[in-house]
Amino acid sequence: MKLIVEADGGSRGNPGPAGYGALVRDALTGEVLAEVAESIGMATNNVAEYRGLIAGLTAAAGIDPSARVEVRMDSKLVVEQMSGRWKIKHPDMIPLALRAREVAEGLGSVSYGWIPRNRNAHADRLANEAMDAAARGEQWSRKVEEPPREESPGPPPVSSTPTRTILLRHGETPLSVEKRFAGTNDVPLTTTGLAQARAAALALKDRGLEAIVTSPLARCRDTAAEVAAVTGLDVRVEDGFRETAFGDWEGLTFAEAGKGWPAEMKAWLADPEAAPPGGESFAQVSRRVRTALDKLKVRNRQQTVLVVSHVTPIKLLVKDALGAPMKALYRMHLDVASLTAIDWYADGPASLRSFNDAHHLER
């Protein structure tokens, strides 16, 4: 299920009598499924905004814990901090942000977007009702949920024809040979890597491919070109499937990065929201990979699609298919030019059909 959370909060003065409001919509129909609002006494605008976010995410989880959620707020601060682009420095914000992330981790996925205030009018109205009550010294709250729809006689049958993604990691590069961080730097394939791409292409020739999608980076585009040559298919570039930006660690070995940035490396290994210096966090990459997959499933519904990508995006798709936690990424090994296949069904479930298949490289 796709849900939209609209949230807002504020205070009459900063700090002052404060309150928040939030609502949950069905992303396809626009129907309001839940409303929540509450006066919270004396607080700052930012505290009230975070409280609204937490309430909205909690309401979304109550509707469908596996939902993909898009949060829309007119608070640039909250959106940028929750997206991982701005640091959270104020001590009052840190526990609230942690609570919001905790709720978000229990959902299928959560993305954040800023909208102007005039497009957040419903949540703004709820927040103002709460602030008015706080200014009167009242403890006030509002919680409205749509009545449950008529129960169906049973769960809907699993759709018989999935959208199948065959995920191909690009061939060998100079950096993969030396096990160095290769993110958004445009490193080429080696001679061996090109041969691996050709072997993968032959293995895919009779797999019924109907479309080819690739990361924009050269090592993937060159790998995809070999498959296109044997299948006659066009290649479409999808930026969301590019590799993680590793920032200052690009081109370094794991040991070199750990020696130069020990604290940052420790944080990166412990927290998916932590990013290498100047780079992306796994949480950020996960959000754009999910968006790229959603686009693919709409454009190529019930087709078999080759996605030529990198270690991190492929592992993230496997993680999502299995419903595994983010730490599962550290327990997967993915060879260059290997193949992984996942079926995505329209009603939600996914099936991992193969993982890290490299038999074609043994010929």
Foldseek 3Di string as FASTA:
>chain_A
DEKEKQKAKAAPDAFHWIKIKMWMADPVPRHTFKIKMWTDATHGRVLRRLVRLLVRLVVVCVVPQAYEYEYEYQDPVVQCVLLLNDPDDDPSVVVSSVSSVVSQLSYNHYHYDYDHPVVSVVRVVRGVVNNVCSNVVHTDMDMDGDPDDDDDPDDDDFDPFFAKEKEWEFFAFPCVVVQADAFQPQTAHDPRRLVLLLLLLVVCLPVQADAEEEAPRHSQVSSSVNNCVSNVHDYHYDNLQGGWFQAPRHSHHPVVLCVVCVVLSVCLLVDQSRGHVGIGGLSNSLVSLVVSVVVCCVVQPSGYYYYYHHLSSVLSVVCSLVVHDPNCSVVDDAHHRFIWMKTATPVGHIDTDDGRHSVSVVD
